Amino acid sequence: MPATTKTTTAPPAAAVAKDAHWAATQERLRNRTRATAKLTICDDVEVRKDLDMARYALRRIEGEAADRPDDQAVKDAVAAAKADVEQAQAAFDEAATVLTFQALPRLEFEALKKAHPATEEQAEDDLEYNVETLGPELISRSSLDGMPVEAAREYLDTWSEAEAAELFNAAWGVQQTTRMDLGKG
């Protein structure tokens, strides 16, 4: 792919005169990063269970602490429960594998979808693209971990249906992420 140079245009003089903050706003918009999403995989059932139980115990004792704000024993129990959660979280983090995905530039994502059109049968089901061929490419291209297409294909083919769907959805979902709010003017 040939190198391209990015040209930037100066903000319109009328806009700058009308809104002295336009240049700063434009700079912030140019410096936005694309959305990212994480998929956490932990195959150690005991570690996951320990973290869930520690979180549950903390919620329970925090509820009790809300009813007894002056009780030092309850405050101590909350501190101990927080320490348990931190320890369980550290064990979970050690056992887990985290995959990170980033949204592709819109035109690249659109081109990727067009490169994988639906089969005739899929088109009859109102699908616009072929998930079987798009999936590995999308996962690989949006992976910040450098996942090769072949690895993505292997995981989609060999993991359970639910886990393969989660992998695809992590890569697909980050493409649909919005970080905007129209507000209530």
N, C-alpha and C. Protein backbone atom coordinates (compact mmCIF):
# COMPACT_ATOMS: atom_id res chain seq x y z
N MET A 1 0.86 -1.16 0.00
CA MET A 1 0.00 0.00 0.00
C MET A 1 0.90 1.23 0.00
N PRO A 2 0.72 2.16 -0.95
CA PRO A 2 1.58 3.33 -1.02
C PRO A 2 1.33 4.25 0.16
N ALA A 3 2.39 4.91 0.55
CA ALA A 3 2.28 5.86 1.66
C ALA A 3 1.48 7.06 1.21
N THR A 4 0.65 7.54 2.07
CA THR A 4 -0.14 8.73 1.76
C THR A 4 0.23 9.81 2.75
N THR A 5 0.11 11.02 2.29
CA THR A 5 0.38 12.13 3.20
C THR A 5 -0.94 12.69 3.65
N LYS A 6 -0.98 13.04 4.89
CA LYS A 6 -2.20 13.57 5.48
C LYS A 6 -2.16 15.09 5.37
N THR A 7 -3.15 15.62 4.73
CA THR A 7 -3.21 17.07 4.62
C THR A 7 -4.23 17.58 5.63
N THR A 8 -3.90 18.66 6.25
CA THR A 8 -4.81 19.26 7.19
C THR A 8 -5.17 20.64 6.69
N THR A 9 -6.38 21.00 6.92
CA THR A 9 -6.83 22.32 6.49
C THR A 9 -6.98 23.20 7.71
N ALA A 10 -6.70 24.46 7.49
CA ALA A 10 -6.87 25.42 8.57
C ALA A 10 -8.36 25.62 8.77
N PRO A 11 -8.77 25.86 9.99
CA PRO A 11 -10.18 26.10 10.22
C PRO A 11 -10.63 27.35 9.46
N PRO A 12 -11.86 27.37 8.99
CA PRO A 12 -12.35 28.54 8.27
C PRO A 12 -12.23 29.79 9.13
N ALA A 13 -11.77 30.86 8.52
CA ALA A 13 -11.56 32.11 9.25
C ALA A 13 -12.86 32.58 9.90
N ALA A 14 -13.95 32.41 9.18
CA ALA A 14 -15.24 32.86 9.74
C ALA A 14 -15.59 32.05 10.98
N ALA A 15 -15.27 30.74 10.95
CA ALA A 15 -15.58 29.91 12.11
C ALA A 15 -14.70 30.31 13.30
N VAL A 16 -13.43 30.61 13.02
CA VAL A 16 -12.53 31.01 14.10
C VAL A 16 -12.99 32.32 14.70
N ALA A 17 -13.39 33.25 13.83
CA ALA A 17 -13.86 34.54 14.32
C ALA A 17 -15.15 34.37 15.13
N LYS A 18 -16.00 33.45 14.70
CA LYS A 18 -17.27 33.23 15.39
C LYS A 18 -17.07 32.45 16.68
N ASP A 19 -16.16 31.49 16.68
CA ASP A 19 -15.94 30.64 17.84
C ASP A 19 -14.44 30.50 18.07
N ALA A 20 -13.93 31.22 19.01
CA ALA A 20 -12.49 31.22 19.27
C ALA A 20 -11.97 29.85 19.70
N HIS A 21 -12.86 28.95 20.05
CA HIS A 21 -12.44 27.62 20.52
C HIS A 21 -12.39 26.59 19.40
N TRP A 22 -12.72 26.97 18.17
CA TRP A 22 -12.80 26.00 17.09
C TRP A 22 -11.47 25.29 16.86
N ALA A 23 -10.35 26.00 16.84
CA ALA A 23 -9.06 25.37 16.58
C ALA A 23 -8.75 24.31 17.63
N ALA A 24 -9.02 24.62 18.89
CA ALA A 24 -8.77 23.64 19.96
C ALA A 24 -9.72 22.46 19.82
N THR A 25 -10.96 22.72 19.46
CA THR A 25 -11.94 21.64 19.28
C THR A 25 -11.51 20.75 18.13
N GLN A 26 -11.11 21.35 17.03
CA GLN A 26 -10.68 20.57 15.88
C GLN A 26 -9.46 19.71 16.21
N GLU A 27 -8.54 20.26 16.96
CA GLU A 27 -7.34 19.51 17.36
C GLU A 27 -7.73 18.31 18.21
N ARG A 28 -8.65 18.50 19.13
CA ARG A 28 -9.11 17.38 19.98
C ARG A 28 -9.77 16.30 19.13
N LEU A 29 -10.58 16.72 18.15
CA LEU A 29 -11.25 15.75 17.28
C LEU A 29 -10.24 14.98 16.43
N ARG A 30 -9.21 15.66 15.94
CA ARG A 30 -8.18 14.98 15.15
C ARG A 30 -7.39 13.97 15.99
N ASN A 31 -7.26 14.23 17.27
CA ASN A 31 -6.45 13.37 18.13
C ASN A 31 -7.23 12.26 18.83
N ARG A 32 -8.48 12.08 18.49
CA ARG A 32 -9.26 11.00 19.09
C ARG A 32 -8.66 9.65 18.70
N THR A 33 -8.72 8.71 19.62
CA THR A 33 -8.30 7.35 19.31
C THR A 33 -9.54 6.52 18.99
N ARG A 34 -9.34 5.47 18.22
CA ARG A 34 -10.47 4.60 17.90
C ARG A 34 -10.83 3.76 19.14
N ALA A 35 -12.07 3.38 19.22
CA ALA A 35 -12.57 2.60 20.36
C ALA A 35 -11.83 1.27 20.47
N THR A 36 -11.67 0.81 21.71
CA THR A 36 -11.09 -0.51 21.96
C THR A 36 -12.04 -1.31 22.85
N ALA A 37 -11.90 -2.62 22.80
CA ALA A 37 -12.69 -3.52 23.64
C ALA A 37 -11.81 -4.70 24.03
N LYS A 38 -12.06 -5.24 25.21
CA LYS A 38 -11.28 -6.37 25.70
C LYS A 38 -12.18 -7.60 25.84
N LEU A 39 -11.62 -8.73 25.52
CA LEU A 39 -12.27 -10.02 25.73
C LEU A 39 -11.38 -10.79 26.70
N THR A 40 -11.92 -11.10 27.88
CA THR A 40 -11.15 -11.79 28.91
C THR A 40 -11.57 -13.25 28.93
N ILE A 41 -10.57 -14.11 28.86
CA ILE A 41 -10.80 -15.55 28.84
C ILE A 41 -10.10 -16.15 30.05
N CYS A 42 -10.87 -16.84 30.89
CA CYS A 42 -10.28 -17.51 32.05
C CYS A 42 -10.86 -18.92 32.11
N ASP A 43 -10.02 -19.89 31.85
CA ASP A 43 -10.44 -21.29 31.83
C ASP A 43 -10.42 -21.94 33.21
N ASP A 44 -9.86 -21.27 34.19
CA ASP A 44 -9.76 -21.83 35.54
C ASP A 44 -11.05 -21.55 36.31
N VAL A 45 -11.90 -22.55 36.38
CA VAL A 45 -13.21 -22.41 37.01
C VAL A 45 -13.07 -22.01 38.48
N GLU A 46 -12.13 -22.59 39.18
CA GLU A 46 -11.94 -22.28 40.61
C GLU A 46 -11.55 -20.82 40.82
N VAL A 47 -10.67 -20.32 39.99
CA VAL A 47 -10.24 -18.93 40.11
C VAL A 47 -11.42 -17.99 39.86
N ARG A 48 -12.20 -18.30 38.83
CA ARG A 48 -13.39 -17.47 38.54
C ARG A 48 -14.38 -17.54 39.70
N LYS A 49 -14.58 -18.74 40.24
CA LYS A 49 -15.51 -18.91 41.35
C LYS A 49 -15.03 -18.15 42.59
N ASP A 50 -13.75 -18.22 42.87
CA ASP A 50 -13.19 -17.51 44.03
C ASP A 50 -13.40 -16.00 43.90
N LEU A 51 -13.20 -15.46 42.72
CA LEU A 51 -13.41 -14.02 42.51
C LEU A 51 -14.89 -13.67 42.67
N ASP A 52 -15.77 -14.46 42.10
CA ASP A 52 -17.21 -14.20 42.24
C ASP A 52 -17.63 -14.24 43.70
N MET A 53 -17.13 -15.23 44.44
CA MET A 53 -17.49 -15.35 45.86
C MET A 53 -16.94 -14.18 46.68
N ALA A 54 -15.72 -13.75 46.38
CA ALA A 54 -15.12 -12.62 47.10
C ALA A 54 -15.91 -11.34 46.82
N ARG A 55 -16.32 -11.14 45.58
CA ARG A 55 -17.12 -9.96 45.23
C ARG A 55 -18.48 -10.00 45.93
N TYR A 56 -19.09 -11.18 45.96
CA TYR A 56 -20.38 -11.33 46.63
C TYR A 56 -20.25 -11.02 48.13
N ALA A 57 -19.21 -11.56 48.75
CA ALA A 57 -19.01 -11.32 50.19
C ALA A 57 -18.80 -9.83 50.45
N LEU A 58 -18.07 -9.16 49.59
CA LEU A 58 -17.85 -7.73 49.75
C LEU A 58 -19.16 -6.95 49.63
N ARG A 59 -19.95 -7.27 48.61
CA ARG A 59 -21.26 -6.58 48.46
C ARG A 59 -22.13 -6.79 49.69
N ARG A 60 -22.13 -8.02 50.20
CA ARG A 60 -22.95 -8.34 51.37
C ARG A 60 -22.51 -7.54 52.59
N ILE A 61 -21.20 -7.49 52.84
CA ILE A 61 -20.71 -6.80 54.03
C ILE A 61 -20.83 -5.29 53.86
N GLU A 62 -20.70 -4.79 52.62
CA GLU A 62 -20.91 -3.35 52.39
C GLU A 62 -22.35 -2.96 52.64
N GLY A 63 -23.27 -3.85 52.32
CA GLY A 63 -24.69 -3.60 52.63
C GLY A 63 -24.92 -3.52 54.13
N GLU A 64 -24.28 -4.41 54.85
CA GLU A 64 -24.38 -4.39 56.31
C GLU A 64 -23.73 -3.13 56.87
N ALA A 65 -22.62 -2.73 56.29
CA ALA A 65 -21.92 -1.52 56.76
C ALA A 65 -22.76 -0.27 56.55
N ALA A 66 -23.56 -0.26 55.50
CA ALA A 66 -24.43 0.89 55.26
C ALA A 66 -25.47 1.04 56.37
N ASP A 67 -25.89 -0.09 56.91
CA ASP A 67 -26.88 -0.06 58.01
C ASP A 67 -26.24 0.22 59.36
N ARG A 68 -24.93 -0.01 59.46
CA ARG A 68 -24.23 0.16 60.75
C ARG A 68 -22.94 0.95 60.53
N PRO A 69 -23.05 2.22 60.16
CA PRO A 69 -21.87 3.01 59.79
C PRO A 69 -20.87 3.25 60.93
N ASP A 70 -21.29 3.12 62.17
CA ASP A 70 -20.40 3.38 63.30
C ASP A 70 -19.79 2.11 63.90
N ASP A 71 -20.09 0.96 63.34
CA ASP A 71 -19.63 -0.31 63.88
C ASP A 71 -18.22 -0.62 63.35
N GLN A 72 -17.22 -0.55 64.21
CA GLN A 72 -15.83 -0.77 63.81
C GLN A 72 -15.60 -2.20 63.30
N ALA A 73 -16.27 -3.16 63.90
CA ALA A 73 -16.10 -4.55 63.46
C ALA A 73 -16.56 -4.72 62.01
N VAL A 74 -17.64 -4.04 61.65
CA VAL A 74 -18.14 -4.12 60.28
C VAL A 74 -17.17 -3.40 59.33
N LYS A 75 -16.64 -2.26 59.78
CA LYS A 75 -15.64 -1.55 58.97
C LYS A 75 -14.42 -2.43 58.72
N ASP A 76 -13.99 -3.14 59.75
CA ASP A 76 -12.85 -4.05 59.60
C ASP A 76 -13.18 -5.19 58.65
N ALA A 77 -14.41 -5.69 58.73
CA ALA A 77 -14.85 -6.77 57.83
C ALA A 77 -14.87 -6.29 56.38
N VAL A 78 -15.28 -5.04 56.15
CA VAL A 78 -15.28 -4.48 54.80
C VAL A 78 -13.84 -4.41 54.28
N ALA A 79 -12.92 -3.94 55.12
CA ALA A 79 -11.51 -3.85 54.71
C ALA A 79 -10.97 -5.24 54.38
N ALA A 80 -11.30 -6.23 55.18
CA ALA A 80 -10.84 -7.60 54.92
C ALA A 80 -11.45 -8.15 53.63
N ALA A 81 -12.73 -7.85 53.41
CA ALA A 81 -13.39 -8.32 52.19
C ALA A 81 -12.79 -7.65 50.95
N LYS A 82 -12.43 -6.38 51.06
CA LYS A 82 -11.78 -5.69 49.94
C LYS A 82 -10.42 -6.33 49.64
N ALA A 83 -9.69 -6.68 50.69
CA ALA A 83 -8.40 -7.34 50.50
C ALA A 83 -8.59 -8.70 49.83
N ASP A 84 -9.65 -9.42 50.22
CA ASP A 84 -9.94 -10.72 49.60
C ASP A 84 -10.24 -10.56 48.11
N VAL A 85 -11.01 -9.51 47.77
CA VAL A 85 -11.33 -9.26 46.36
C VAL A 85 -10.06 -8.94 45.59
N GLU A 86 -9.19 -8.11 46.16
CA GLU A 86 -7.93 -7.77 45.49
C GLU A 86 -7.09 -9.01 45.24
N GLN A 87 -7.02 -9.89 46.24
CA GLN A 87 -6.24 -11.12 46.11
C GLN A 87 -6.86 -12.03 45.04
N ALA A 88 -8.18 -12.18 45.07
CA ALA A 88 -8.86 -13.02 44.08
C ALA A 88 -8.73 -12.43 42.68
N GLN A 89 -8.80 -11.10 42.59
CA GLN A 89 -8.65 -10.44 41.29
C GLN A 89 -7.25 -10.65 40.74
N ALA A 90 -6.25 -10.57 41.60
CA ALA A 90 -4.87 -10.80 41.17
C ALA A 90 -4.69 -12.23 40.64
N ALA A 91 -5.29 -13.20 41.32
CA ALA A 91 -5.21 -14.58 40.86
C ALA A 91 -5.94 -14.74 39.52
N PHE A 92 -7.09 -14.09 39.39
CA PHE A 92 -7.85 -14.14 38.14
C PHE A 92 -7.03 -13.52 37.01
N ASP A 93 -6.46 -12.35 37.27
CA ASP A 93 -5.66 -11.66 36.25
C ASP A 93 -4.47 -12.51 35.81
N GLU A 94 -3.89 -13.24 36.75
CA GLU A 94 -2.75 -14.11 36.43
C GLU A 94 -3.19 -15.28 35.54
N ALA A 95 -4.37 -15.81 35.79
CA ALA A 95 -4.85 -16.97 35.05
C ALA A 95 -5.51 -16.61 33.71
N ALA A 96 -5.98 -15.39 33.59
CA ALA A 96 -6.75 -14.98 32.42
C ALA A 96 -5.88 -14.57 31.25
N THR A 97 -6.46 -14.72 30.07
CA THR A 97 -5.88 -14.20 28.84
C THR A 97 -6.80 -13.08 28.38
N VAL A 98 -6.22 -11.92 28.10
CA VAL A 98 -7.02 -10.78 27.66
C VAL A 98 -6.65 -10.46 26.22
N LEU A 99 -7.66 -10.45 25.36
CA LEU A 99 -7.48 -10.06 23.97
C LEU A 99 -8.06 -8.67 23.80
N THR A 100 -7.36 -7.80 23.09
CA THR A 100 -7.81 -6.43 22.91
C THR A 100 -8.05 -6.16 21.43
N PHE A 101 -9.18 -5.54 21.14
CA PHE A 101 -9.57 -5.22 19.78
C PHE A 101 -9.79 -3.73 19.65
N GLN A 102 -9.48 -3.20 18.45
CA GLN A 102 -9.67 -1.77 18.20
C GLN A 102 -10.50 -1.60 16.94
N ALA A 103 -11.38 -0.62 16.97
CA ALA A 103 -12.20 -0.32 15.80
C ALA A 103 -11.29 0.04 14.63
N LEU A 104 -11.66 -0.44 13.47
CA LEU A 104 -10.93 -0.11 12.25
C LEU A 104 -11.41 1.25 11.75
N PRO A 105 -10.61 1.93 10.97
CA PRO A 105 -11.13 3.13 10.32
C PRO A 105 -12.36 2.73 9.49
N ARG A 106 -13.36 3.59 9.45
CA ARG A 106 -14.65 3.25 8.84
C ARG A 106 -14.49 2.75 7.41
N LEU A 107 -13.71 3.43 6.59
CA LEU A 107 -13.57 3.02 5.19
C LEU A 107 -12.90 1.66 5.07
N GLU A 108 -11.96 1.36 5.96
CA GLU A 108 -11.31 0.04 5.96
C GLU A 108 -12.33 -1.04 6.35
N PHE A 109 -13.16 -0.75 7.33
CA PHE A 109 -14.18 -1.72 7.76
C PHE A 109 -15.19 -1.96 6.64
N GLU A 110 -15.62 -0.89 5.98
CA GLU A 110 -16.56 -1.04 4.87
C GLU A 110 -15.95 -1.86 3.74
N ALA A 111 -14.68 -1.61 3.42
CA ALA A 111 -14.01 -2.37 2.36
C ALA A 111 -13.89 -3.84 2.75
N LEU A 112 -13.62 -4.10 4.01
CA LEU A 112 -13.51 -5.49 4.48
C LEU A 112 -14.85 -6.21 4.32
N LYS A 113 -15.93 -5.55 4.69
CA LYS A 113 -17.26 -6.18 4.53
C LYS A 113 -17.56 -6.44 3.05
N LYS A 114 -17.21 -5.49 2.18
CA LYS A 114 -17.46 -5.67 0.74
C LYS A 114 -16.61 -6.79 0.16
N ALA A 115 -15.45 -7.03 0.73
CA ALA A 115 -14.57 -8.10 0.25
C ALA A 115 -15.09 -9.48 0.62
N HIS A 116 -16.10 -9.54 1.47
CA HIS A 116 -16.65 -10.83 1.93
C HIS A 116 -18.17 -10.83 1.75
N PRO A 117 -18.63 -10.80 0.49
CA PRO A 117 -20.08 -10.75 0.26
C PRO A 117 -20.75 -12.06 0.67
N ALA A 118 -22.00 -11.95 0.97
CA ALA A 118 -22.79 -13.13 1.36
C ALA A 118 -22.89 -14.10 0.19
N THR A 119 -22.95 -15.38 0.54
CA THR A 119 -23.21 -16.38 -0.48
C THR A 119 -24.67 -16.23 -0.91
N GLU A 120 -25.06 -16.92 -1.97
CA GLU A 120 -26.46 -16.86 -2.42
C GLU A 120 -27.40 -17.29 -1.29
N GLU A 121 -27.03 -18.37 -0.63
CA GLU A 121 -27.86 -18.88 0.47
C GLU A 121 -27.95 -17.87 1.61
N GLN A 122 -26.83 -17.24 1.96
CA GLN A 122 -26.83 -16.24 3.02
C GLN A 122 -27.64 -15.01 2.60
N ALA A 123 -27.54 -14.63 1.35
CA ALA A 123 -28.30 -13.48 0.85
C ALA A 123 -29.80 -13.75 0.94
N GLU A 124 -30.19 -14.99 0.72
CA GLU A 124 -31.61 -15.35 0.85
C GLU A 124 -32.08 -15.18 2.29
N ASP A 125 -31.14 -15.27 3.24
CA ASP A 125 -31.45 -15.05 4.66
C ASP A 125 -31.22 -13.60 5.05
N ASP A 126 -31.12 -12.72 4.05
CA ASP A 126 -30.95 -11.27 4.24
C ASP A 126 -29.62 -10.88 4.90
N LEU A 127 -28.61 -11.71 4.73
CA LEU A 127 -27.28 -11.34 5.24
C LEU A 127 -26.55 -10.54 4.16
N GLU A 128 -25.76 -9.58 4.58
CA GLU A 128 -25.04 -8.73 3.64
C GLU A 128 -23.61 -9.18 3.40
N TYR A 129 -23.06 -9.99 4.29
CA TYR A 129 -21.67 -10.42 4.17
C TYR A 129 -21.56 -11.85 4.66
N ASN A 130 -20.44 -12.48 4.33
CA ASN A 130 -20.19 -13.86 4.70
C ASN A 130 -19.41 -13.89 6.02
N VAL A 131 -20.08 -14.20 7.09
CA VAL A 131 -19.45 -14.21 8.41
C VAL A 131 -18.32 -15.23 8.47
N GLU A 132 -18.46 -16.34 7.76
CA GLU A 132 -17.43 -17.39 7.80
C GLU A 132 -16.10 -16.90 7.25
N THR A 133 -16.12 -16.07 6.22
CA THR A 133 -14.87 -15.57 5.66
C THR A 133 -14.48 -14.22 6.26
N LEU A 134 -15.46 -13.42 6.63
CA LEU A 134 -15.19 -12.11 7.22
C LEU A 134 -14.63 -12.24 8.63
N GLY A 135 -15.15 -13.18 9.41
CA GLY A 135 -14.80 -13.31 10.82
C GLY A 135 -13.30 -13.35 11.10
N PRO A 136 -12.57 -14.29 10.52
CA PRO A 136 -11.14 -14.36 10.81
C PRO A 136 -10.38 -13.08 10.40
N GLU A 137 -10.76 -12.52 9.26
CA GLU A 137 -10.10 -11.29 8.79
C GLU A 137 -10.38 -10.13 9.74
N LEU A 138 -11.63 -9.98 10.14
CA LEU A 138 -12.00 -8.89 11.05
C LEU A 138 -11.30 -9.04 12.40
N ILE A 139 -11.30 -10.25 12.92
CA ILE A 139 -10.65 -10.50 14.21
C ILE A 139 -9.17 -10.17 14.12
N SER A 140 -8.52 -10.64 13.07
CA SER A 140 -7.09 -10.40 12.92
C SER A 140 -6.78 -8.92 12.75
N ARG A 141 -7.52 -8.25 11.89
CA ARG A 141 -7.23 -6.83 11.62
C ARG A 141 -7.53 -5.93 12.81
N SER A 142 -8.51 -6.29 13.61
CA SER A 142 -8.85 -5.43 14.74
C SER A 142 -8.11 -5.83 16.02
N SER A 143 -7.38 -6.94 15.98
CA SER A 143 -6.64 -7.40 17.15
C SER A 143 -5.43 -6.51 17.40
N LEU A 144 -5.32 -5.99 18.60
CA LEU A 144 -4.13 -5.23 19.00
C LEU A 144 -3.04 -6.17 19.52
N ASP A 145 -3.35 -7.46 19.61
CA ASP A 145 -2.39 -8.45 20.08
C ASP A 145 -1.64 -9.11 18.93
N GLY A 146 -1.97 -8.74 17.70
CA GLY A 146 -1.29 -9.32 16.55
C GLY A 146 -1.77 -10.70 16.19
N MET A 147 -3.03 -11.01 16.44
CA MET A 147 -3.54 -12.34 16.14
C MET A 147 -3.55 -12.58 14.63
N PRO A 148 -2.88 -13.60 14.16
CA PRO A 148 -2.89 -13.91 12.72
C PRO A 148 -4.26 -14.43 12.28
N VAL A 149 -4.56 -14.26 11.01
CA VAL A 149 -5.83 -14.73 10.45
C VAL A 149 -5.99 -16.23 10.69
N GLU A 150 -4.90 -16.97 10.52
CA GLU A 150 -4.97 -18.44 10.68
C GLU A 150 -5.35 -18.83 12.11
N ALA A 151 -4.85 -18.10 13.09
CA ALA A 151 -5.21 -18.38 14.48
C ALA A 151 -6.67 -18.06 14.72
N ALA A 152 -7.13 -16.93 14.20
CA ALA A 152 -8.54 -16.55 14.36
C ALA A 152 -9.43 -17.63 13.74
N ARG A 153 -9.07 -18.10 12.56
CA ARG A 153 -9.85 -19.15 11.88
C ARG A 153 -9.88 -20.42 12.74
N GLU A 154 -8.71 -20.79 13.30
CA GLU A 154 -8.65 -21.98 14.14
C GLU A 154 -9.57 -21.85 15.35
N TYR A 155 -9.53 -20.71 16.02
CA TYR A 155 -10.36 -20.51 17.22
C TYR A 155 -11.85 -20.55 16.85
N LEU A 156 -12.21 -19.89 15.76
CA LEU A 156 -13.61 -19.89 15.34
C LEU A 156 -14.08 -21.29 14.99
N ASP A 157 -13.19 -22.12 14.45
CA ASP A 157 -13.55 -23.47 14.05
C ASP A 157 -13.53 -24.48 15.19
N THR A 158 -12.71 -24.25 16.22
CA THR A 158 -12.53 -25.28 17.24
C THR A 158 -13.13 -24.94 18.61
N TRP A 159 -13.34 -23.67 18.89
CA TRP A 159 -13.94 -23.32 20.17
C TRP A 159 -15.43 -23.65 20.13
N SER A 160 -16.05 -23.71 21.29
CA SER A 160 -17.49 -23.94 21.32
C SER A 160 -18.20 -22.83 20.56
N GLU A 161 -19.42 -23.09 20.16
CA GLU A 161 -20.18 -22.09 19.40
C GLU A 161 -20.30 -20.78 20.17
N ALA A 162 -20.59 -20.87 21.47
CA ALA A 162 -20.75 -19.66 22.28
C ALA A 162 -19.44 -18.88 22.39
N GLU A 163 -18.33 -19.58 22.58
CA GLU A 163 -17.04 -18.90 22.72
C GLU A 163 -16.58 -18.32 21.39
N ALA A 164 -16.80 -19.03 20.29
CA ALA A 164 -16.46 -18.50 18.97
C ALA A 164 -17.29 -17.25 18.69
N ALA A 165 -18.56 -17.28 19.07
CA ALA A 165 -19.42 -16.11 18.88
C ALA A 165 -18.92 -14.93 19.70
N GLU A 166 -18.46 -15.19 20.93
CA GLU A 166 -17.92 -14.11 21.78
C GLU A 166 -16.68 -13.50 21.14
N LEU A 167 -15.82 -14.33 20.57
CA LEU A 167 -14.62 -13.83 19.91
C LEU A 167 -15.00 -12.94 18.72
N PHE A 168 -15.89 -13.43 17.87
CA PHE A 168 -16.35 -12.64 16.73
C PHE A 168 -17.02 -11.35 17.22
N ASN A 169 -17.89 -11.48 18.20
CA ASN A 169 -18.64 -10.31 18.69
C ASN A 169 -17.74 -9.25 19.31
N ALA A 170 -16.63 -9.66 19.90
CA ALA A 170 -15.69 -8.67 20.45
C ALA A 170 -15.11 -7.83 19.32
N ALA A 171 -14.72 -8.48 18.23
CA ALA A 171 -14.15 -7.75 17.09
C ALA A 171 -15.22 -6.96 16.35
N TRP A 172 -16.41 -7.53 16.22
CA TRP A 172 -17.50 -6.84 15.53
C TRP A 172 -18.05 -5.69 16.39
N GLY A 173 -18.25 -5.97 17.66
CA GLY A 173 -18.86 -4.98 18.55
C GLY A 173 -18.05 -3.71 18.68
N VAL A 174 -16.73 -3.81 18.68
CA VAL A 174 -15.92 -2.60 18.82
C VAL A 174 -16.09 -1.71 17.58
N GLN A 175 -16.45 -2.31 16.46
CA GLN A 175 -16.70 -1.51 15.25
C GLN A 175 -17.99 -0.70 15.39
N GLN A 176 -18.88 -1.15 16.27
CA GLN A 176 -20.18 -0.50 16.45
C GLN A 176 -20.19 0.45 17.66
N THR A 177 -19.07 0.55 18.38
CA THR A 177 -19.01 1.35 19.60
C THR A 177 -19.11 2.83 19.28
N THR A 178 -19.93 3.51 20.05
CA THR A 178 -20.02 4.95 19.93
C THR A 178 -19.68 5.57 21.28
N ARG A 179 -18.95 6.64 21.23
CA ARG A 179 -18.56 7.34 22.45
C ARG A 179 -19.05 8.78 22.38
N MET A 180 -20.27 8.93 21.89
CA MET A 180 -20.84 10.26 21.70
C MET A 180 -22.18 10.35 22.40
N ASP A 181 -22.56 11.56 22.70
CA ASP A 181 -23.84 11.81 23.33
C ASP A 181 -24.37 13.13 22.78
N LEU A 182 -25.55 13.10 22.23
CA LEU A 182 -26.11 14.32 21.66
C LEU A 182 -26.48 15.34 22.73
N GLY A 183 -26.65 14.89 23.93
CA GLY A 183 -26.97 15.81 25.01
C GLY A 183 -28.38 16.37 24.90
N LYS A 184 -28.69 17.26 25.80
CA LYS A 184 -30.04 17.83 25.84
C LYS A 184 -30.03 19.32 25.55
N GLY A 185 -29.05 19.78 24.77
CA GLY A 185 -28.93 21.18 24.34
C GLY A 185 -29.60 22.14 25.12
